[in-house]
């Protein structure tokens, strides 16, 4: 079997707009054959879902989730038609999104929403830490790329790993569900409340508790 390289995965993603992990799996399943890999993605409905990006999703639902009366989430998830908004699969997806937000506590939906000041501050902090660790100056920018990816995984919903499958990005799960539903699906906005948030006190790790509960579900 041909070795599946990062460049091959990148090339297939550019050709199909499918998620990275699905591109890698497609190439692995087809022995590195690009034509067969594209066909594999189409049969799974993954590239079809990715191709919906230019379409407008203005219908949908506002979902809610409350954990133990201590953490609450409101989230707006959009689809293209009211018919799909009434679909049980879509309604279940909205619930999954709300539960992810409760458990993983993202600050933004996607990285494009992160303010420049926040990114600059994080880079400055990470650069200073790397210097303290004695990393060569010439290597700092390259290392910082990986550090910023980790930062996005912490604060951006679609870049986080799914609490029910820590090998899958939440955004990839959304793409797969959109393919099954048959319409473009988009998380527009959310708010997350936690009892006592912002008040100085001994803080229990409620987010970890939620994540643990979901992992057992």
C-alpha atoms as a PDB file:
ATOM      1  CA  UNK A   1       0.000   0.000   0.000  1.00  0.00           C
ATOM      2  CA  UNK A   2       1.279   3.468  -0.889  1.00  0.00           C
ATOM      3  CA  UNK A   3       2.331   5.690   1.981  1.00  0.00           C
ATOM      4  CA  UNK A   4      -0.301   8.370   2.630  1.00  0.00           C
ATOM      5  CA  UNK A   5       1.583  11.632   3.067  1.00  0.00           C
ATOM      6  CA  UNK A   6       0.383  14.936   4.494  1.00  0.00           C
ATOM      7  CA  UNK A   7       0.759  16.498   1.027  1.00  0.00           C
ATOM      8  CA  UNK A   8      -1.536  13.869  -0.488  1.00  0.00           C
ATOM      9  CA  UNK A   9      -4.170  14.591   2.148  1.00  0.00           C
ATOM     10  CA  UNK A  10      -3.812  18.336   1.540  1.00  0.00           C
ATOM     11  CA  UNK A  11      -4.165  17.891  -2.233  1.00  0.00           C
ATOM     12  CA  UNK A  12      -7.305  15.779  -1.881  1.00  0.00           C
ATOM     13  CA  UNK A  13      -8.819  18.290   0.527  1.00  0.00           C
ATOM     14  CA  UNK A  14      -8.215  21.100  -1.981  1.00  0.00           C
ATOM     15  CA  UNK A  15      -9.881  19.058  -4.722  1.00  0.00           C
ATOM     16  CA  UNK A  16     -12.917  17.991  -2.693  1.00  0.00           C
ATOM     17  CA  UNK A  17     -13.191  20.454   0.259  1.00  0.00           C
ATOM     18  CA  UNK A  18     -13.782  17.415   2.464  1.00  0.00           C
ATOM     19  CA  UNK A  19     -12.425  17.368   6.062  1.00  0.00           C
ATOM     20  CA  UNK A  20      -8.773  16.381   6.527  1.00  0.00           C
ATOM     21  CA  UNK A  21      -9.495  13.191   8.475  1.00  0.00           C
ATOM     22  CA  UNK A  22     -11.983  12.010   5.850  1.00  0.00           C
ATOM     23  CA  UNK A  23      -9.466  12.723   3.081  1.00  0.00           C
ATOM     24  CA  UNK A  24      -6.848  10.666   4.896  1.00  0.00           C
ATOM     25  CA  UNK A  25      -9.290   7.803   5.415  1.00  0.00           C
ATOM     26  CA  UNK A  26     -10.372   7.922   1.773  1.00  0.00           C
ATOM     27  CA  UNK A  27      -6.765   7.708   0.570  1.00  0.00           C
ATOM     28  CA  UNK A  28      -6.002   4.906   3.013  1.00  0.00           C
ATOM     29  CA  UNK A  29      -9.062   2.911   1.940  1.00  0.00           C
ATOM     30  CA  UNK A  30      -8.176   3.296  -1.753  1.00  0.00           C
ATOM     31  CA  UNK A  31      -4.420   2.752  -1.548  1.00  0.00           C
ATOM     32  CA  UNK A  32      -3.578   6.350  -2.396  1.00  0.00           C
ATOM     33  CA  UNK A  33      -5.569   6.419  -5.652  1.00  0.00           C
ATOM     34  CA  UNK A  34      -6.927   9.975  -5.955  1.00  0.00           C
ATOM     35  CA  UNK A  35      -9.738   9.163  -8.387  1.00  0.00           C
ATOM     36  CA  UNK A  36     -10.986   6.316  -6.225  1.00  0.00           C
ATOM     37  CA  UNK A  37     -10.566   8.436  -3.104  1.00  0.00           C
ATOM     38  CA  UNK A  38     -12.772  11.169  -4.605  1.00  0.00           C
ATOM     39  CA  UNK A  39     -15.362   8.554  -5.521  1.00  0.00           C
ATOM     40  CA  UNK A  40     -15.168   7.137  -1.966  1.00  0.00           C
ATOM     41  CA  UNK A  41     -15.889  10.602  -0.545  1.00  0.00           C
ATOM     42  CA  UNK A  42     -18.804  11.168  -2.915  1.00  0.00           C
ATOM     43  CA  UNK A  43     -20.365   7.819  -1.976  1.00  0.00           C
ATOM     44  CA  UNK A  44     -20.118   8.780   1.683  1.00  0.00           C
ATOM     45  CA  UNK A  45     -21.774  12.107   0.892  1.00  0.00           C
ATOM     46  CA  UNK A  46     -18.882  14.016   2.432  1.00  0.00           C
ATOM     47  CA  UNK A  47     -17.697  16.034  -0.539  1.00  0.00           C
ATOM     48  CA  UNK A  48     -21.339  16.768  -1.357  1.00  0.00           C
ATOM     49  CA  UNK A  49     -21.791  18.371   2.046  1.00  0.00           C
ATOM     50  CA  UNK A  50     -18.612  20.391   1.642  1.00  0.00           C
ATOM     51  CA  UNK A  51     -19.896  21.705  -1.673  1.00  0.00           C
ATOM     52  CA  UNK A  52     -22.847  23.415   0.019  1.00  0.00           C
ATOM     53  CA  UNK A  53     -20.729  26.229   1.448  1.00  0.00           C
ATOM     54  CA  UNK A  54     -22.006  28.856  -0.983  1.00  0.00           C
ATOM     55  CA  UNK A  55     -25.643  28.244  -0.154  1.00  0.00           C
ATOM     56  CA  UNK A  56     -27.668  30.244   2.362  1.00  0.00           C
ATOM     57  CA  UNK A  57     -28.781  28.639   5.620  1.00  0.00           C
ATOM     58  CA  UNK A  58     -31.325  30.982   7.205  1.00  0.00           C
ATOM     59  CA  UNK A  59     -33.741  28.512   8.821  1.00  0.00           C
ATOM     60  CA  UNK A  60     -32.986  26.356  11.823  1.00  0.00           C
ATOM     61  CA  UNK A  61     -33.473  26.139  15.562  1.00  0.00           C
ATOM     62  CA  UNK A  62     -32.367  27.675  18.831  1.00  0.00           C
ATOM     63  CA  UNK A  63     -31.267  24.792  21.011  1.00  0.00           C
ATOM     64  CA  UNK A  64     -30.879  24.675  24.784  1.00  0.00           C
ATOM     65  CA  UNK A  65     -28.994  22.486  27.207  1.00  0.00           C
ATOM     66  CA  UNK A  66     -28.771  22.717  30.999  1.00  0.00           C
ATOM     67  CA  UNK A  67     -26.405  20.566  33.028  1.00  0.00           C
ATOM     68  CA  UNK A  68     -27.293  20.062  36.655  1.00  0.00           C
ATOM     69  CA  UNK A  69     -28.755  23.526  36.956  1.00  0.00           C
ATOM     70  CA  UNK A  70     -25.189  24.885  36.911  1.00  0.00           C
ATOM     71  CA  UNK A  71     -24.277  25.234  33.231  1.00  0.00           C
ATOM     72  CA  UNK A  72     -26.676  26.487  30.547  1.00  0.00           C
ATOM     73  CA  UNK A  73     -26.313  26.942  26.789  1.00  0.00           C
ATOM     74  CA  UNK A  74     -28.362  28.667  24.086  1.00  0.00           C
ATOM     75  CA  UNK A  75     -27.213  28.043  20.519  1.00  0.00           C
ATOM     76  CA  UNK A  76     -28.544  28.940  17.063  1.00  0.00           C
ATOM     77  CA  UNK A  77     -27.947  26.272  14.425  1.00  0.00           C
ATOM     78  CA  UNK A  78     -29.048  27.051  10.875  1.00  0.00           C
ATOM     79  CA  UNK A  79     -30.157  24.925   7.940  1.00  0.00           C
ATOM     80  CA  UNK A  80     -31.636  25.793   4.546  1.00  0.00           C
ATOM     81  CA  UNK A  81     -35.305  24.866   4.981  1.00  0.00           C
ATOM     82  CA  UNK A  82     -37.949  24.785   7.677  1.00  0.00           C
ATOM     83  CA  UNK A  83     -38.654  21.181   6.641  1.00  0.00           C
ATOM     84  CA  UNK A  84     -35.174  20.115   7.753  1.00  0.00           C
ATOM     85  CA  UNK A  85     -35.461  22.204  10.934  1.00  0.00           C
ATOM     86  CA  UNK A  86     -38.335  19.887  11.936  1.00  0.00           C
ATOM     87  CA  UNK A  87     -36.304  16.776  11.102  1.00  0.00           C
ATOM     88  CA  UNK A  88     -35.392  14.645  14.169  1.00  0.00           C
ATOM     89  CA  UNK A  89     -31.811  14.201  12.887  1.00  0.00           C
ATOM     90  CA  UNK A  90     -31.333  17.968  12.731  1.00  0.00           C
ATOM     91  CA  UNK A  91     -32.933  18.450  16.144  1.00  0.00           C
ATOM     92  CA  UNK A  92     -30.577  15.844  17.607  1.00  0.00           C
ATOM     93  CA  UNK A  93     -27.637  17.621  15.993  1.00  0.00           C
ATOM     94  CA  UNK A  94     -28.657  20.924  17.622  1.00  0.00           C
ATOM     95  CA  UNK A  95     -28.686  19.144  20.965  1.00  0.00           C
ATOM     96  CA  UNK A  96     -25.213  17.718  20.286  1.00  0.00           C
ATOM     97  CA  UNK A  97     -23.911  21.216  19.532  1.00  0.00           C
ATOM     98  CA  UNK A  98     -25.344  22.614  22.775  1.00  0.00           C
ATOM     99  CA  UNK A  99     -23.862  19.742  24.794  1.00  0.00           C
ATOM    100  CA  UNK A 100     -20.436  20.249  23.193  1.00  0.00           C
ATOM    101  CA  UNK A 101     -20.503  23.928  24.144  1.00  0.00           C
ATOM    102  CA  UNK A 102     -21.488  23.081  27.716  1.00  0.00           C
ATOM    103  CA  UNK A 103     -18.700  20.515  28.043  1.00  0.00           C
ATOM    104  CA  UNK A 104     -15.838  22.156  26.152  1.00  0.00           C
ATOM    105  CA  UNK A 105     -16.577  25.836  26.832  1.00  0.00           C
ATOM    106  CA  UNK A 106     -15.523  27.374  23.488  1.00  0.00           C
ATOM    107  CA  UNK A 107     -15.370  31.153  23.172  1.00  0.00           C
ATOM    108  CA  UNK A 108     -16.045  31.409  19.430  1.00  0.00           C
ATOM    109  CA  UNK A 109     -17.676  29.321  16.705  1.00  0.00           C
ATOM    110  CA  UNK A 110     -14.738  29.461  14.285  1.00  0.00           C
ATOM    111  CA  UNK A 111     -11.244  30.943  14.181  1.00  0.00           C
ATOM    112  CA  UNK A 112     -12.239  33.774  11.838  1.00  0.00           C
ATOM    113  CA  UNK A 113     -14.207  35.244  14.749  1.00  0.00           C
ATOM    114  CA  UNK A 114     -11.227  35.455  17.114  1.00  0.00           C
ATOM    115  CA  UNK A 115     -10.272  39.140  17.536  1.00  0.00           C
ATOM    116  CA  UNK A 116      -6.829  40.076  16.272  1.00  0.00           C
ATOM    117  CA  UNK A 117      -5.913  41.395  19.734  1.00  0.00           C
ATOM    118  CA  UNK A 118      -6.614  37.976  21.248  1.00  0.00           C
ATOM    119  CA  UNK A 119      -4.444  36.207  18.683  1.00  0.00           C
ATOM    120  CA  UNK A 120      -1.606  38.704  19.044  1.00  0.00           C
ATOM    121  CA  UNK A 121      -1.694  38.351  22.834  1.00  0.00           C
ATOM    122  CA  UNK A 122      -1.604  34.544  22.627  1.00  0.00           C
ATOM    123  CA  UNK A 123       1.331  34.625  20.189  1.00  0.00           C
ATOM    124  CA  UNK A 124       3.192  37.012  22.500  1.00  0.00           C
ATOM    125  CA  UNK A 125       2.621  34.741  25.509  1.00  0.00           C
ATOM    126  CA  UNK A 126       3.664  31.602  23.639  1.00  0.00           C
ATOM    127  CA  UNK A 127       6.734  33.296  22.145  1.00  0.00           C
ATOM    128  CA  UNK A 128       7.882  34.390  25.608  1.00  0.00           C
ATOM    129  CA  UNK A 129       7.355  30.874  26.990  1.00  0.00           C
ATOM    130  CA  UNK A 130       9.376  29.386  24.132  1.00  0.00           C
ATOM    131  CA  UNK A 131      12.214  31.831  24.796  1.00  0.00           C
ATOM    132  CA  UNK A 132      12.197  30.855  28.470  1.00  0.00           C
ATOM    133  CA  UNK A 133      12.477  27.225  27.378  1.00  0.00           C
ATOM    134  CA  UNK A 134      15.597  28.093  25.383  1.00  0.00           C
ATOM    135  CA  UNK A 135      14.137  27.450  21.936  1.00  0.00           C
ATOM    136  CA  UNK A 136      16.286  28.870  19.075  1.00  0.00           C
ATOM    137  CA  UNK A 137      15.069  32.242  17.797  1.00  0.00           C
ATOM    138  CA  UNK A 138      15.098  30.950  14.218  1.00  0.00           C
ATOM    139  CA  UNK A 139      12.644  28.192  15.144  1.00  0.00           C
ATOM    140  CA  UNK A 140      10.119  30.296  17.055  1.00  0.00           C
ATOM    141  CA  UNK A 141       7.822  31.225  14.166  1.00  0.00           C
ATOM    142  CA  UNK A 142       7.572  27.612  13.025  1.00  0.00           C
ATOM    143  CA  UNK A 143       6.821  26.347  16.540  1.00  0.00           C
ATOM    144  CA  UNK A 144       4.278  29.122  17.043  1.00  0.00           C
ATOM    145  CA  UNK A 145       2.192  27.791  14.154  1.00  0.00           C
ATOM    146  CA  UNK A 146       1.563  24.603  16.105  1.00  0.00           C
ATOM    147  CA  UNK A 147       0.977  26.525  19.330  1.00  0.00           C
ATOM    148  CA  UNK A 148      -1.695  28.655  17.661  1.00  0.00           C
ATOM    149  CA  UNK A 149      -3.410  25.539  16.300  1.00  0.00           C
ATOM    150  CA  UNK A 150      -3.638  24.278  19.886  1.00  0.00           C
ATOM    151  CA  UNK A 151      -5.056  27.646  20.905  1.00  0.00           C
ATOM    152  CA  UNK A 152      -7.792  27.406  18.256  1.00  0.00           C
ATOM    153  CA  UNK A 153      -8.601  23.866  19.418  1.00  0.00           C
ATOM    154  CA  UNK A 154      -9.293  25.280  22.856  1.00  0.00           C
ATOM    155  CA  UNK A 155     -11.361  28.360  21.999  1.00  0.00           C
ATOM    156  CA  UNK A 156     -13.103  27.612  18.666  1.00  0.00           C
ATOM    157  CA  UNK A 157     -16.061  25.226  18.548  1.00  0.00           C
ATOM    158  CA  UNK A 158     -15.406  23.755  15.102  1.00  0.00           C
ATOM    159  CA  UNK A 159     -11.698  23.235  15.861  1.00  0.00           C
ATOM    160  CA  UNK A 160     -12.335  21.438  19.145  1.00  0.00           C
ATOM    161  CA  UNK A 161     -12.305  17.666  19.394  1.00  0.00           C
ATOM    162  CA  UNK A 162     -15.754  16.172  19.835  1.00  0.00           C
ATOM    163  CA  UNK A 163     -16.366  15.216  23.470  1.00  0.00           C
ATOM    164  CA  UNK A 164     -17.918  11.928  22.300  1.00  0.00           C
ATOM    165  CA  UNK A 165     -14.982  11.046  20.019  1.00  0.00           C
ATOM    166  CA  UNK A 166     -11.663  12.688  20.861  1.00  0.00           C
ATOM    167  CA  UNK A 167     -10.165  11.602  17.526  1.00  0.00           C
ATOM    168  CA  UNK A 168     -12.644  13.666  15.505  1.00  0.00           C
ATOM    169  CA  UNK A 169     -12.859  17.445  15.182  1.00  0.00           C
ATOM    170  CA  UNK A 170     -16.297  18.816  15.974  1.00  0.00           C
ATOM    171  CA  UNK A 171     -16.387  20.644  12.643  1.00  0.00           C
ATOM    172  CA  UNK A 172     -15.810  17.370  10.799  1.00  0.00           C
ATOM    173  CA  UNK A 173     -18.691  15.796  12.704  1.00  0.00           C
ATOM    174  CA  UNK A 174     -20.907  18.697  11.601  1.00  0.00           C
ATOM    175  CA  UNK A 175     -19.899  18.129   7.970  1.00  0.00           C
ATOM    176  CA  UNK A 176     -20.758  14.444   8.199  1.00  0.00           C
ATOM    177  CA  UNK A 177     -24.134  15.176   9.764  1.00  0.00           C
ATOM    178  CA  UNK A 178     -24.872  17.809   7.097  1.00  0.00           C
ATOM    179  CA  UNK A 179     -24.218  15.173   4.426  1.00  0.00           C
ATOM    180  CA  UNK A 180     -26.696  12.845   6.098  1.00  0.00           C
ATOM    181  CA  UNK A 181     -29.296  15.591   6.527  1.00  0.00           C
ATOM    182  CA  UNK A 182     -28.814  16.779   2.936  1.00  0.00           C
ATOM    183  CA  UNK A 183     -28.539  20.529   3.526  1.00  0.00           C
ATOM    184  CA  UNK A 184     -25.956  23.076   4.548  1.00  0.00           C
ATOM    185  CA  UNK A 185     -25.738  23.263   8.339  1.00  0.00           C
ATOM    186  CA  UNK A 186     -24.070  26.126  10.184  1.00  0.00           C
ATOM    187  CA  UNK A 187     -23.639  27.093  13.828  1.00  0.00           C
ATOM    188  CA  UNK A 188     -24.283  30.823  13.900  1.00  0.00           C
ATOM    189  CA  UNK A 189     -23.886  31.906  17.528  1.00  0.00           C
ATOM    190  CA  UNK A 190     -24.161  30.770  21.115  1.00  0.00           C
ATOM    191  CA  UNK A 191     -24.065  31.901  24.717  1.00  0.00           C
ATOM    192  CA  UNK A 192     -22.884  29.790  27.645  1.00  0.00           C
ATOM    193  CA  UNK A 193     -23.713  30.518  31.276  1.00  0.00           C
ATOM    194  CA  UNK A 194     -22.115  28.999  34.350  1.00  0.00           C
ATOM    195  CA  UNK A 195     -23.302  29.610  37.892  1.00  0.00           C
ATOM    196  CA  UNK A 196     -20.896  31.941  39.687  1.00  0.00           C
ATOM    197  CA  UNK A 197     -18.952  32.723  36.530  1.00  0.00           C
ATOM    198  CA  UNK A 198     -16.919  35.888  37.044  1.00  0.00           C
ATOM    199  CA  UNK A 199     -17.308  35.746  40.824  1.00  0.00           C
ATOM    200  CA  UNK A 200     -14.128  34.995  42.717  1.00  0.00           C
ATOM    201  CA  UNK A 201     -14.644  31.694  44.523  1.00  0.00           C
ATOM    202  CA  UNK A 202     -13.416  28.135  44.762  1.00  0.00           C
ATOM    203  CA  UNK A 203     -14.276  26.799  41.333  1.00  0.00           C
ATOM    204  CA  UNK A 204     -15.303  23.223  40.607  1.00  0.00           C
ATOM    205  CA  UNK A 205     -14.402  21.904  37.182  1.00  0.00           C
ATOM    206  CA  UNK A 206     -17.989  21.781  35.891  1.00  0.00           C
ATOM    207  CA  UNK A 207     -16.943  21.588  32.244  1.00  0.00           C
ATOM    208  CA  UNK A 208     -14.914  18.431  32.993  1.00  0.00           C
ATOM    209  CA  UNK A 209     -17.949  16.993  34.763  1.00  0.00           C
ATOM    210  CA  UNK A 210     -20.135  17.567  31.720  1.00  0.00           C
ATOM    211  CA  UNK A 211     -17.504  16.085  29.392  1.00  0.00           C
ATOM    212  CA  UNK A 212     -17.244  13.006  31.604  1.00  0.00           C
ATOM    213  CA  UNK A 213     -21.035  12.598  31.623  1.00  0.00           C
ATOM    214  CA  UNK A 214     -21.250  12.833  27.824  1.00  0.00           C
ATOM    215  CA  UNK A 215     -18.393  10.403  27.392  1.00  0.00           C
ATOM    216  CA  UNK A 216     -20.317   7.840  29.351  1.00  0.00           C
ATOM    217  CA  UNK A 217     -23.465   8.379  27.296  1.00  0.00           C
END
